Amino acid sequence: MARSAGFGGSHEVGSPENPFVITEAADSVEAQHRARVRKYMLIMSVRFPALILSAVAYGVWANPWISMAIIGISIPLPWIAVLIANDRPPRTKDEPSRYDHRPSNAPAISPSHDRTIDS
């Protein structure tokens, strides 16, 4: 649906009567960073309670395998948290692809015509 200029307004996009629409704008870098820090802290906050849970599970069931399984699950949590926190937002379809699918006729490295003097 196109916007009309209204009463004596301007059709030019960006004018006070017809401002830019930024609802499709990406989150700011600061907002993305806060979201990544929040994800990291959430995942890492599970690790310490898991160690306590493993001690409680051993006290309740006296089965070391259950405690070891809980500890085993908590071991890769820092690695997972770092991978998720360092991940960028998903690529939009409007972002250009850096890979050029067309075959190139030019060689990757141009031949050198420099003279080499052997001593």
PDB file of N, CA and C in Angstrom:
ATOM      1  N   MET A   1       0.836  -1.166   0.000  1.00  0.00           N
ATOM      2  CA  MET A   1       0.000   0.000   0.000  1.00  0.00           C
ATOM      3  C   MET A   1       0.884   1.233   0.000  1.00  0.00           C
ATOM      4  N   ALA A   2       0.703   2.079  -0.983  1.00  0.00           N
ATOM      5  CA  ALA A   2       1.518   3.276  -1.127  1.00  0.00           C
ATOM      6  C   ALA A   2       0.997   4.383  -0.234  1.00  0.00           C
ATOM      7  N   ARG A   3       1.899   5.225   0.202  1.00  0.00           N
ATOM      8  CA  ARG A   3       1.508   6.356   1.028  1.00  0.00           C
ATOM      9  C   ARG A   3       1.106   7.517   0.133  1.00  0.00           C
ATOM     10  N   SER A   4       0.115   8.237   0.576  1.00  0.00           N
ATOM     11  CA  SER A   4      -0.267   9.436  -0.169  1.00  0.00           C
ATOM     12  C   SER A   4       0.406  10.629   0.479  1.00  0.00           C
ATOM     13  N   ALA A   5       0.508  11.704  -0.268  1.00  0.00           N
ATOM     14  CA  ALA A   5       1.179  12.899   0.228  1.00  0.00           C
ATOM     15  C   ALA A   5       0.324  13.633   1.247  1.00  0.00           C
ATOM     16  N   GLY A   6      -0.939  13.381   1.293  1.00  0.00           N
ATOM     17  CA  GLY A   6      -1.805  14.059   2.253  1.00  0.00           C
ATOM     18  C   GLY A   6      -2.125  15.462   1.784  1.00  0.00           C
ATOM     19  N   PHE A   7      -2.441  16.343   2.716  1.00  0.00           N
ATOM     20  CA  PHE A   7      -2.802  17.725   2.388  1.00  0.00           C
ATOM     21  C   PHE A   7      -1.552  18.564   2.212  1.00  0.00           C
ATOM     22  N   GLY A   8      -1.145  18.763   0.996  1.00  0.00           N
ATOM     23  CA  GLY A   8       0.007  19.605   0.706  1.00  0.00           C
ATOM     24  C   GLY A   8       1.327  18.998   1.131  1.00  0.00           C
ATOM     25  N   GLY A   9       1.363  17.708   1.405  1.00  0.00           N
ATOM     26  CA  GLY A   9       2.584  17.047   1.852  1.00  0.00           C
ATOM     27  C   GLY A   9       3.490  16.705   0.687  1.00  0.00           C
ATOM     28  N   SER A  10       4.602  16.126   1.008  1.00  0.00           N
ATOM     29  CA  SER A  10       5.597  15.774   0.008  1.00  0.00           C
ATOM     30  C   SER A  10       5.599  14.262  -0.205  1.00  0.00           C
ATOM     31  N   HIS A  11       5.786  13.835  -1.438  1.00  0.00           N
ATOM     32  CA  HIS A  11       5.903  12.408  -1.740  1.00  0.00           C
ATOM     33  C   HIS A  11       7.321  11.910  -1.504  1.00  0.00           C
ATOM     34  N   GLU A  12       8.247  12.813  -1.249  1.00  0.00           N
ATOM     35  CA  GLU A  12       9.648  12.443  -1.095  1.00  0.00           C
ATOM     36  C   GLU A  12       9.838  11.651   0.205  1.00  0.00           C
ATOM     37  N   VAL A  13      10.456  10.464   0.085  1.00  0.00           N
ATOM     38  CA  VAL A  13      10.701   9.631   1.260  1.00  0.00           C
ATOM     39  C   VAL A  13      11.787  10.288   2.094  1.00  0.00           C
ATOM     40  N   GLY A  14      11.543  10.395   3.385  1.00  0.00           N
ATOM     41  CA  GLY A  14      12.493  11.015   4.286  1.00  0.00           C
ATOM     42  C   GLY A  14      12.092  12.418   4.673  1.00  0.00           C
ATOM     43  N   SER A  15      11.068  12.940   4.048  1.00  0.00           N
ATOM     44  CA  SER A  15      10.582  14.262   4.436  1.00  0.00           C
ATOM     45  C   SER A  15       9.779  14.118   5.727  1.00  0.00           C
ATOM     46  N   PRO A  16       9.541  15.198   6.465  1.00  0.00           N
ATOM     47  CA  PRO A  16       8.776  15.099   7.710  1.00  0.00           C
ATOM     48  C   PRO A  16       7.378  14.515   7.520  1.00  0.00           C
ATOM     49  N   GLU A  17       6.788  14.727   6.361  1.00  0.00           N
ATOM     50  CA  GLU A  17       5.461  14.191   6.111  1.00  0.00           C
ATOM     51  C   GLU A  17       5.497  12.718   5.717  1.00  0.00           C
ATOM     52  N   ASN A  18       6.614  12.242   5.194  1.00  0.00           N
ATOM     53  CA  ASN A  18       6.757  10.865   4.733  1.00  0.00           C
ATOM     54  C   ASN A  18       8.096  10.304   5.231  1.00  0.00           C
ATOM     55  N   PRO A  19       8.185   9.980   6.529  1.00  0.00           N
ATOM     56  CA  PRO A  19       9.480   9.555   7.079  1.00  0.00           C
ATOM     57  C   PRO A  19       9.870   8.152   6.632  1.00  0.00           C
ATOM     58  N   PHE A  20      11.152   7.812   6.841  1.00  0.00           N
ATOM     59  CA  PHE A  20      11.641   6.471   6.581  1.00  0.00           C
ATOM     60  C   PHE A  20      10.979   5.500   7.552  1.00  0.00           C
ATOM     61  N   VAL A  21      10.676   4.319   7.088  1.00  0.00           N
ATOM     62  CA  VAL A  21      10.142   3.281   7.954  1.00  0.00           C
ATOM     63  C   VAL A  21      11.295   2.361   8.319  1.00  0.00           C
ATOM     64  N   ILE A  22      11.575   2.245   9.627  1.00  0.00           N
ATOM     65  CA  ILE A  22      12.732   1.453  10.056  1.00  0.00           C
ATOM     66  C   ILE A  22      12.314   0.249  10.874  1.00  0.00           C
ATOM     67  N   THR A  23      11.105  -0.227  10.699  1.00  0.00           N
ATOM     68  CA  THR A  23      10.692  -1.406  11.462  1.00  0.00           C
ATOM     69  C   THR A  23      11.456  -2.648  11.039  1.00  0.00           C
ATOM     70  N   GLU A  24      12.005  -2.664   9.841  1.00  0.00           N
ATOM     71  CA  GLU A  24      12.783  -3.797   9.350  1.00  0.00           C
ATOM     72  C   GLU A  24      14.271  -3.646   9.656  1.00  0.00           C
ATOM     73  N   ALA A  25      14.642  -2.588  10.395  1.00  0.00           N
ATOM     74  CA  ALA A  25      16.049  -2.334  10.680  1.00  0.00           C
ATOM     75  C   ALA A  25      16.602  -3.412  11.606  1.00  0.00           C
ATOM     76  N   ALA A  26      17.872  -3.711  11.446  1.00  0.00           N
ATOM     77  CA  ALA A  26      18.540  -4.702  12.300  1.00  0.00           C
ATOM     78  C   ALA A  26      18.767  -4.116  13.687  1.00  0.00           C
ATOM     79  N   ASP A  27      18.925  -4.994  14.667  1.00  0.00           N
ATOM     80  CA  ASP A  27      19.226  -4.537  16.019  1.00  0.00           C
ATOM     81  C   ASP A  27      20.580  -3.841  16.032  1.00  0.00           C
ATOM     82  N   SER A  28      20.748  -2.916  16.963  1.00  0.00           N
ATOM     83  CA  SER A  28      22.023  -2.230  17.080  1.00  0.00           C
ATOM     84  C   SER A  28      23.088  -3.206  17.580  1.00  0.00           C
ATOM     85  N   VAL A  29      24.324  -2.825  17.442  1.00  0.00           N
ATOM     86  CA  VAL A  29      25.429  -3.678  17.881  1.00  0.00           C
ATOM     87  C   VAL A  29      25.358  -3.877  19.392  1.00  0.00           C
ATOM     88  N   GLU A  30      24.985  -2.813  20.119  1.00  0.00           N
ATOM     89  CA  GLU A  30      24.882  -2.920  21.568  1.00  0.00           C
ATOM     90  C   GLU A  30      23.773  -3.893  21.974  1.00  0.00           C
ATOM     91  N   ALA A  31      22.635  -3.850  21.281  1.00  0.00           N
ATOM     92  CA  ALA A  31      21.531  -4.766  21.588  1.00  0.00           C
ATOM     93  C   ALA A  31      21.924  -6.205  21.282  1.00  0.00           C
ATOM     94  N   GLN A  32      22.641  -6.424  20.183  1.00  0.00           N
ATOM     95  CA  GLN A  32      23.101  -7.771  19.858  1.00  0.00           C
ATOM     96  C   GLN A  32      24.081  -8.275  20.917  1.00  0.00           C
ATOM     97  N   HIS A  33      24.966  -7.392  21.378  1.00  0.00           N
ATOM     98  CA  HIS A  33      25.943  -7.774  22.398  1.00  0.00           C
ATOM     99  C   HIS A  33      25.243  -8.125  23.705  1.00  0.00           C
ATOM    100  N   ARG A  34      24.273  -7.319  24.122  1.00  0.00           N
ATOM    101  CA  ARG A  34      23.529  -7.612  25.348  1.00  0.00           C
ATOM    102  C   ARG A  34      22.820  -8.955  25.257  1.00  0.00           C
ATOM    103  N   ALA A  35      22.238  -9.253  24.101  1.00  0.00           N
ATOM    104  CA  ALA A  35      21.540 -10.531  23.921  1.00  0.00           C
ATOM    105  C   ALA A  35      22.527 -11.697  23.998  1.00  0.00           C
ATOM    106  N   ARG A  36      23.714 -11.532  23.402  1.00  0.00           N
ATOM    107  CA  ARG A  36      24.719 -12.602  23.451  1.00  0.00           C
ATOM    108  C   ARG A  36      25.247 -12.805  24.860  1.00  0.00           C
ATOM    109  N   VAL A  37      25.455 -11.710  25.612  1.00  0.00           N
ATOM    110  CA  VAL A  37      25.916 -11.825  26.998  1.00  0.00           C
ATOM    111  C   VAL A  37      24.846 -12.505  27.845  1.00  0.00           C
ATOM    112  N   ARG A  38      23.582 -12.175  27.603  1.00  0.00           N
ATOM    113  CA  ARG A  38      22.479 -12.791  28.337  1.00  0.00           C
ATOM    114  C   ARG A  38      22.440 -14.302  28.092  1.00  0.00           C
ATOM    115  N   LYS A  39      22.625 -14.722  26.824  1.00  0.00           N
ATOM    116  CA  LYS A  39      22.643 -16.152  26.509  1.00  0.00           C
ATOM    117  C   LYS A  39      23.807 -16.843  27.206  1.00  0.00           C
ATOM    118  N   TYR A  40      24.985 -16.211  27.175  1.00  0.00           N
ATOM    119  CA  TYR A  40      26.171 -16.786  27.814  1.00  0.00           C
ATOM    120  C   TYR A  40      25.946 -16.959  29.312  1.00  0.00           C
ATOM    121  N   MET A  41      25.431 -15.915  29.960  1.00  0.00           N
ATOM    122  CA  MET A  41      25.221 -15.981  31.402  1.00  0.00           C
ATOM    123  C   MET A  41      24.167 -17.021  31.761  1.00  0.00           C
ATOM    124  N   LEU A  42      23.140 -17.166  30.943  1.00  0.00           N
ATOM    125  CA  LEU A  42      22.103 -18.162  31.204  1.00  0.00           C
ATOM    126  C   LEU A  42      22.677 -19.576  31.136  1.00  0.00           C
ATOM    127  N   ILE A  43      23.468 -19.851  30.103  1.00  0.00           N
ATOM    128  CA  ILE A  43      24.039 -21.194  29.961  1.00  0.00           C
ATOM    129  C   ILE A  43      25.052 -21.475  31.071  1.00  0.00           C
ATOM    130  N   MET A  44      25.882 -20.485  31.388  1.00  0.00           N
ATOM    131  CA  MET A  44      26.889 -20.701  32.426  1.00  0.00           C
ATOM    132  C   MET A  44      26.276 -20.772  33.822  1.00  0.00           C
ATOM    133  N   SER A  45      25.100 -20.174  34.008  1.00  0.00           N
ATOM    134  CA  SER A  45      24.461 -20.249  35.326  1.00  0.00           C
ATOM    135  C   SER A  45      23.897 -21.636  35.600  1.00  0.00           C
ATOM    136  N   VAL A  46      23.851 -22.493  34.610  1.00  0.00           N
ATOM    137  CA  VAL A  46      23.381 -23.864  34.797  1.00  0.00           C
ATOM    138  C   VAL A  46      24.513 -24.753  35.318  1.00  0.00           C
ATOM    139  N   ARG A  47      25.740 -24.358  35.111  1.00  0.00           N
ATOM    140  CA  ARG A  47      26.869 -25.235  35.429  1.00  0.00           C
ATOM    141  C   ARG A  47      27.052 -25.461  36.931  1.00  0.00           C
ATOM    142  N   PHE A  48      27.066 -24.409  37.706  1.00  0.00           N
ATOM    143  CA  PHE A  48      27.271 -24.562  39.153  1.00  0.00           C
ATOM    144  C   PHE A  48      26.122 -25.317  39.814  1.00  0.00           C
ATOM    145  N   PRO A  49      24.861 -25.010  39.519  1.00  0.00           N
ATOM    146  CA  PRO A  49      23.788 -25.835  40.097  1.00  0.00           C
ATOM    147  C   PRO A  49      23.855 -27.299  39.668  1.00  0.00           C
ATOM    148  N   ALA A  50      24.407 -27.580  38.500  1.00  0.00           N
ATOM    149  CA  ALA A  50      24.541 -28.978  38.072  1.00  0.00           C
ATOM    150  C   ALA A  50      25.519 -29.722  38.972  1.00  0.00           C
ATOM    151  N   LEU A  51      26.583 -29.060  39.398  1.00  0.00           N
ATOM    152  CA  LEU A  51      27.528 -29.706  40.318  1.00  0.00           C
ATOM    153  C   LEU A  51      26.873 -29.985  41.665  1.00  0.00           C
ATOM    154  N   ILE A  52      26.073 -29.041  42.145  1.00  0.00           N
ATOM    155  CA  ILE A  52      25.356 -29.248  43.407  1.00  0.00           C
ATOM    156  C   ILE A  52      24.321 -30.363  43.241  1.00  0.00           C
ATOM    157  N   LEU A  53      23.636 -30.372  42.094  1.00  0.00           N
ATOM    158  CA  LEU A  53      22.649 -31.411  41.823  1.00  0.00           C
ATOM    159  C   LEU A  53      23.292 -32.801  41.793  1.00  0.00           C
ATOM    160  N   SER A  54      24.519 -32.868  41.247  1.00  0.00           N
ATOM    161  CA  SER A  54      25.185 -34.173  41.215  1.00  0.00           C
ATOM    162  C   SER A  54      25.510 -34.649  42.622  1.00  0.00           C
ATOM    163  N   ALA A  55      25.887 -33.741  43.538  1.00  0.00           N
ATOM    164  CA  ALA A  55      26.159 -34.137  44.925  1.00  0.00           C
ATOM    165  C   ALA A  55      24.865 -34.569  45.628  1.00  0.00           C
ATOM    166  N   VAL A  56      23.790 -33.857  45.357  1.00  0.00           N
ATOM    167  CA  VAL A  56      22.497 -34.214  45.954  1.00  0.00           C
ATOM    168  C   VAL A  56      22.027 -35.561  45.416  1.00  0.00           C
ATOM    169  N   ALA A  57      22.196 -35.780  44.122  1.00  0.00           N
ATOM    170  CA  ALA A  57      21.780 -37.051  43.529  1.00  0.00           C
ATOM    171  C   ALA A  57      22.571 -38.208  44.115  1.00  0.00           C
ATOM    172  N   TYR A  58      23.859 -38.006  44.379  1.00  0.00           N
ATOM    173  CA  TYR A  58      24.654 -39.073  44.998  1.00  0.00           C
ATOM    174  C   TYR A  58      24.184 -39.341  46.425  1.00  0.00           C
ATOM    175  N   GLY A  59      23.820 -38.263  47.136  1.00  0.00           N
ATOM    176  CA  GLY A  59      23.334 -38.433  48.502  1.00  0.00           C
ATOM    177  C   GLY A  59      21.987 -39.136  48.554  1.00  0.00           C
ATOM    178  N   VAL A  60      21.131 -38.888  47.567  1.00  0.00           N
ATOM    179  CA  VAL A  60      19.795 -39.482  47.561  1.00  0.00           C
ATOM    180  C   VAL A  60      19.837 -40.931  47.093  1.00  0.00           C
ATOM    181  N   TRP A  61      20.462 -41.181  45.961  1.00  0.00           N
ATOM    182  CA  TRP A  61      20.429 -42.518  45.360  1.00  0.00           C
ATOM    183  C   TRP A  61      21.683 -43.344  45.624  1.00  0.00           C
ATOM    184  N   ALA A  62      22.741 -42.730  46.105  1.00  0.00           N
ATOM    185  CA  ALA A  62      24.023 -43.402  46.351  1.00  0.00           C
ATOM    186  C   ALA A  62      24.515 -44.136  45.098  1.00  0.00           C
ATOM    187  N   ASN A  63      24.239 -43.546  43.946  1.00  0.00           N
ATOM    188  CA  ASN A  63      24.648 -44.126  42.672  1.00  0.00           C
ATOM    189  C   ASN A  63      25.621 -43.145  42.000  1.00  0.00           C
ATOM    190  N   PRO A  64      26.901 -43.524  41.918  1.00  0.00           N
ATOM    191  CA  PRO A  64      27.869 -42.581  41.338  1.00  0.00           C
ATOM    192  C   PRO A  64      27.649 -42.341  39.845  1.00  0.00           C
ATOM    193  N   TRP A  65      26.993 -43.258  39.145  1.00  0.00           N
ATOM    194  CA  TRP A  65      26.811 -43.092  37.702  1.00  0.00           C
ATOM    195  C   TRP A  65      25.880 -41.930  37.376  1.00  0.00           C
ATOM    196  N   ILE A  66      24.869 -41.729  38.199  1.00  0.00           N
ATOM    197  CA  ILE A  66      23.961 -40.595  37.975  1.00  0.00           C
ATOM    198  C   ILE A  66      24.715 -39.283  38.192  1.00  0.00           C
ATOM    199  N   SER A  67      25.503 -39.235  39.265  1.00  0.00           N
ATOM    200  CA  SER A  67      26.287 -38.025  39.542  1.00  0.00           C
ATOM    201  C   SER A  67      27.299 -37.764  38.437  1.00  0.00           C
ATOM    202  N   MET A  68      27.956 -38.815  37.960  1.00  0.00           N
ATOM    203  CA  MET A  68      28.943 -38.642  36.884  1.00  0.00           C
ATOM    204  C   MET A  68      28.268 -38.201  35.581  1.00  0.00           C
ATOM    205  N   ALA A  69      27.063 -38.673  35.335  1.00  0.00           N
ATOM    206  CA  ALA A  69      26.338 -38.255  34.129  1.00  0.00           C
ATOM    207  C   ALA A  69      25.993 -36.764  34.194  1.00  0.00           C
ATOM    208  N   ILE A  70      25.573 -36.299  35.359  1.00  0.00           N
ATOM    209  CA  ILE A  70      25.256 -34.870  35.506  1.00  0.00           C
ATOM    210  C   ILE A  70      26.519 -34.033  35.338  1.00  0.00           C
ATOM    211  N   ILE A  71      27.619 -34.468  35.923  1.00  0.00           N
ATOM    212  CA  ILE A  71      28.889 -33.753  35.763  1.00  0.00           C
ATOM    213  C   ILE A  71      29.344 -33.808  34.307  1.00  0.00           C
ATOM    214  N   GLY A  72      29.176 -34.965  33.668  1.00  0.00           N
ATOM    215  CA  GLY A  72      29.557 -35.095  32.253  1.00  0.00           C
ATOM    216  C   GLY A  72      28.774 -34.159  31.349  1.00  0.00           C
ATOM    217  N   ILE A  73      27.511 -33.935  31.681  1.00  0.00           N
ATOM    218  CA  ILE A  73      26.709 -32.988  30.884  1.00  0.00           C
ATOM    219  C   ILE A  73      27.175 -31.557  31.120  1.00  0.00           C
ATOM    220  N   SER A  74      27.650 -31.256  32.331  1.00  0.00           N
ATOM    221  CA  SER A  74      28.054 -29.881  32.632  1.00  0.00           C
ATOM    222  C   SER A  74      29.447 -29.531  32.119  1.00  0.00           C
ATOM    223  N   ILE A  75      30.246 -30.516  31.738  1.00  0.00           N
ATOM    224  CA  ILE A  75      31.615 -30.233  31.284  1.00  0.00           C
ATOM    225  C   ILE A  75      31.655 -29.430  29.982  1.00  0.00           C
ATOM    226  N   PRO A  76      30.886 -29.762  28.939  1.00  0.00           N
ATOM    227  CA  PRO A  76      30.996 -28.972  27.703  1.00  0.00           C
ATOM    228  C   PRO A  76      30.198 -27.658  27.717  1.00  0.00           C
ATOM    229  N   LEU A  77      29.530 -27.324  28.833  1.00  0.00           N
ATOM    230  CA  LEU A  77      28.725 -26.104  28.853  1.00  0.00           C
ATOM    231  C   LEU A  77      29.521 -24.822  28.573  1.00  0.00           C
ATOM    232  N   PRO A  78      30.737 -24.631  29.115  1.00  0.00           N
ATOM    233  CA  PRO A  78      31.469 -23.397  28.772  1.00  0.00           C
ATOM    234  C   PRO A  78      31.770 -23.300  27.277  1.00  0.00           C
ATOM    235  N   TRP A  79      32.134 -24.403  26.663  1.00  0.00           N
ATOM    236  CA  TRP A  79      32.426 -24.403  25.223  1.00  0.00           C
ATOM    237  C   TRP A  79      31.164 -24.049  24.428  1.00  0.00           C
ATOM    238  N   ILE A  80      30.042 -24.669  24.805  1.00  0.00           N
ATOM    239  CA  ILE A  80      28.783 -24.387  24.119  1.00  0.00           C
ATOM    240  C   ILE A  80      28.381 -22.932  24.320  1.00  0.00           C
ATOM    241  N   ALA A  81      28.554 -22.420  25.540  1.00  0.00           N
ATOM    242  CA  ALA A  81      28.184 -21.034  25.831  1.00  0.00           C
ATOM    243  C   ALA A  81      29.006 -20.050  25.001  1.00  0.00           C
ATOM    244  N   VAL A  82      30.292 -20.316  24.853  1.00  0.00           N
ATOM    245  CA  VAL A  82      31.138 -19.422  24.054  1.00  0.00           C
ATOM    246  C   VAL A  82      30.742 -19.482  22.584  1.00  0.00           C
ATOM    247  N   LEU A  83      30.471 -20.671  22.067  1.00  0.00           N
ATOM    248  CA  LEU A  83      30.067 -20.787  20.666  1.00  0.00           C
ATOM    249  C   LEU A  83      28.753 -20.059  20.391  1.00  0.00           C
ATOM    250  N   ILE A  84      27.791 -20.208  21.277  1.00  0.00           N
ATOM    251  CA  ILE A  84      26.508 -19.552  21.081  1.00  0.00           C
ATOM    252  C   ILE A  84      26.639 -18.043  21.262  1.00  0.00           C
ATOM    253  N   ALA A  85      27.432 -17.600  22.242  1.00  0.00           N
ATOM    254  CA  ALA A  85      27.581 -16.167  22.490  1.00  0.00           C
ATOM    255  C   ALA A  85      28.342 -15.465  21.367  1.00  0.00           C
ATOM    256  N   ASN A  86      29.256 -16.157  20.705  1.00  0.00           N
ATOM    257  CA  ASN A  86      30.020 -15.528  19.631  1.00  0.00           C
ATOM    258  C   ASN A  86      29.354 -15.648  18.269  1.00  0.00           C
ATOM    259  N   ASP A  87      28.221 -16.302  18.198  1.00  0.00           N
ATOM    260  CA  ASP A  87      27.526 -16.470  16.934  1.00  0.00           C
ATOM    261  C   ASP A  87      26.868 -15.163  16.525  1.00  0.00           C
ATOM    262  N   ARG A  88      26.906 -14.869  15.239  1.00  0.00           N
ATOM    263  CA  ARG A  88      26.274 -13.649  14.741  1.00  0.00           C
ATOM    264  C   ARG A  88      24.812 -13.938  14.429  1.00  0.00           C
ATOM    265  N   PRO A  89      24.016 -12.881  14.306  1.00  0.00           N
ATOM    266  CA  PRO A  89      22.616 -13.110  13.923  1.00  0.00           C
ATOM    267  C   PRO A  89      22.537 -13.781  12.557  1.00  0.00           C
ATOM    268  N   PRO A  90      21.462 -14.496  12.293  1.00  0.00           N
ATOM    269  CA  PRO A  90      21.367 -15.170  10.999  1.00  0.00           C
ATOM    270  C   PRO A  90      21.401 -14.193   9.837  1.00  0.00           C
ATOM    271  N   ARG A  91      21.984 -14.632   8.750  1.00  0.00           N
ATOM    272  CA  ARG A  91      22.119 -13.793   7.555  1.00  0.00           C
ATOM    273  C   ARG A  91      20.744 -13.608   6.913  1.00  0.00           C
ATOM    274  N   THR A  92      20.451 -12.378   6.536  1.00  0.00           N
ATOM    275  CA  THR A  92      19.181 -12.099   5.862  1.00  0.00           C
ATOM    276  C   THR A  92      19.338 -12.365   4.377  1.00  0.00           C
ATOM    277  N   LYS A  93      18.217 -12.507   3.694  1.00  0.00           N
ATOM    278  CA  LYS A  93      18.300 -12.778   2.257  1.00  0.00           C
ATOM    279  C   LYS A  93      18.734 -11.544   1.478  1.00  0.00           C
ATOM    280  N   ASP A  94      18.691 -10.358   2.099  1.00  0.00           N
ATOM    281  CA  ASP A  94      19.111  -9.133   1.427  1.00  0.00           C
ATOM    282  C   ASP A  94      20.625  -8.946   1.465  1.00  0.00           C
ATOM    283  N   GLU A  95      21.328  -9.657   2.368  1.00  0.00           N
ATOM    284  CA  GLU A  95      22.777  -9.511   2.446  1.00  0.00           C
ATOM    285  C   GLU A  95      23.417 -10.138   1.214  1.00  0.00           C
ATOM    286  N   PRO A  96      24.392  -9.458   0.638  1.00  0.00           N
ATOM    287  CA  PRO A  96      25.033 -10.026  -0.551  1.00  0.00           C
ATOM    288  C   PRO A  96      25.905 -11.220  -0.194  1.00  0.00           C
ATOM    289  N   SER A  97      25.946 -12.159  -1.095  1.00  0.00           N
ATOM    290  CA  SER A  97      26.809 -13.318  -0.923  1.00  0.00           C
ATOM    291  C   SER A  97      28.204 -12.940  -1.390  1.00  0.00           C
ATOM    292  N   ARG A  98      29.191 -13.314  -0.646  1.00  0.00           N
ATOM    293  CA  ARG A  98      30.577 -12.969  -1.004  1.00  0.00           C
ATOM    294  C   ARG A  98      31.131 -13.904  -2.083  1.00  0.00           C
ATOM    295  N   TYR A  99      30.516 -15.043  -2.259  1.00  0.00           N
ATOM    296  CA  TYR A  99      31.002 -16.025  -3.225  1.00  0.00           C
ATOM    297  C   TYR A  99      30.415 -15.722  -4.593  1.00  0.00           C
ATOM    298  N   ASP A 100      31.272 -15.638  -5.591  1.00  0.00           N
ATOM    299  CA  ASP A 100      30.832 -15.385  -6.953  1.00  0.00           C
ATOM    300  C   ASP A 100      30.748 -16.731  -7.664  1.00  0.00           C
ATOM    301  N   HIS A 101      29.561 -17.081  -8.128  1.00  0.00           N
ATOM    302  CA  HIS A 101      29.332 -18.397  -8.733  1.00  0.00           C
ATOM    303  C   HIS A 101      29.803 -18.473 -10.184  1.00  0.00           C
ATOM    304  N   ARG A 102      30.110 -17.341 -10.783  1.00  0.00           N
ATOM    305  CA  ARG A 102      30.515 -17.349 -12.191  1.00  0.00           C
ATOM    306  C   ARG A 102      31.948 -17.851 -12.328  1.00  0.00           C
ATOM    307  N   PRO A 103      32.210 -18.673 -13.344  1.00  0.00           N
ATOM    308  CA  PRO A 103      33.594 -19.133 -13.544  1.00  0.00           C
ATOM    309  C   PRO A 103      34.464 -17.989 -14.044  1.00  0.00           C
ATOM    310  N   SER A 104      35.656 -17.971 -13.572  1.00  0.00           N
ATOM    311  CA  SER A 104      36.585 -16.918 -13.964  1.00  0.00           C
ATOM    312  C   SER A 104      37.519 -17.444 -15.047  1.00  0.00           C
ATOM    313  N   ASN A 105      37.712 -16.656 -16.083  1.00  0.00           N
ATOM    314  CA  ASN A 105      38.638 -17.038 -17.152  1.00  0.00           C
ATOM    315  C   ASN A 105      40.057 -16.599 -16.838  1.00  0.00           C
ATOM    316  N   ALA A 106      40.188 -15.645 -15.932  1.00  0.00           N
ATOM    317  CA  ALA A 106      41.516 -15.165 -15.576  1.00  0.00           C
ATOM    318  C   ALA A 106      42.157 -16.136 -14.597  1.00  0.00           C
ATOM    319  N   PRO A 107      43.465 -16.354 -14.697  1.00  0.00           N
ATOM    320  CA  PRO A 107      44.126 -17.240 -13.739  1.00  0.00           C
ATOM    321  C   PRO A 107      44.131 -16.600 -12.345  1.00  0.00           C
ATOM    322  N   ALA A 108      44.171 -17.433 -11.328  1.00  0.00           N
ATOM    323  CA  ALA A 108      44.148 -16.927  -9.965  1.00  0.00           C
ATOM    324  C   ALA A 108      45.390 -16.109  -9.660  1.00  0.00           C
ATOM    325  N   ILE A 109      46.546 -16.530 -10.180  1.00  0.00           N
ATOM    326  CA  ILE A 109      47.790 -15.799  -9.985  1.00  0.00           C
ATOM    327  C   ILE A 109      48.323 -15.472 -11.370  1.00  0.00           C
ATOM    328  N   SER A 110      48.549 -14.203 -11.591  1.00  0.00           N
ATOM    329  CA  SER A 110      49.042 -13.809 -12.909  1.00  0.00           C
ATOM    330  C   SER A 110      50.497 -14.255 -13.062  1.00  0.00           C
ATOM    331  N   PRO A 111      50.875 -14.653 -14.259  1.00  0.00           N
ATOM    332  CA  PRO A 111      52.260 -15.100 -14.467  1.00  0.00           C
ATOM    333  C   PRO A 111      53.225 -13.934 -14.286  1.00  0.00           C
ATOM    334  N   SER A 112      54.337 -14.239 -13.695  1.00  0.00           N
ATOM    335  CA  SER A 112      55.339 -13.213 -13.436  1.00  0.00           C
ATOM    336  C   SER A 112      56.353 -13.189 -14.573  1.00  0.00           C
ATOM    337  N   HIS A 113      56.649 -11.988 -15.038  1.00  0.00           N
ATOM    338  CA  HIS A 113      57.637 -11.826 -16.100  1.00  0.00           C
ATOM    339  C   HIS A 113      58.905 -11.181 -15.557  1.00  0.00           C
ATOM    340  N   ASP A 114      59.099 -11.243 -14.237  1.00  0.00           N
ATOM    341  CA  ASP A 114      60.289 -10.681 -13.649  1.00  0.00           C
ATOM    342  C   ASP A 114      61.488 -11.581 -13.961  1.00  0.00           C
ATOM    343  N   ARG A 115      62.608 -10.938 -14.178  1.00  0.00           N
ATOM    344  CA  ARG A 115      63.816 -11.707 -14.437  1.00  0.00           C
ATOM    345  C   ARG A 115      64.486 -12.059 -13.125  1.00  0.00           C
ATOM    346  N   THR A 116      64.956 -13.279 -13.020  1.00  0.00           N
ATOM    347  CA  THR A 116      65.660 -13.731 -11.847  1.00  0.00           C
ATOM    348  C   THR A 116      67.119 -13.915 -12.227  1.00  0.00           C
ATOM    349  N   ILE A 117      67.988 -13.337 -11.423  1.00  0.00           N
ATOM    350  CA  ILE A 117      69.405 -13.460 -11.697  1.00  0.00           C
ATOM    351  C   ILE A 117      69.974 -14.471 -10.726  1.00  0.00           C
ATOM    352  N   ASP A 118      70.553 -15.535 -11.287  1.00  0.00           N
ATOM    353  CA  ASP A 118      71.185 -16.560 -10.442  1.00  0.00           C
ATOM    354  C   ASP A 118      72.648 -16.191 -10.287  1.00  0.00           C
ATOM    355  N   SER A 119      73.150 -16.371  -9.090  1.00  0.00           N
ATOM    356  CA  SER A 119      74.566 -16.056  -8.886  1.00  0.00           C
ATOM    357  C   SER A 119      75.416 -17.277  -8.788  1.00  0.00           C
TER     358      SER A 119
END
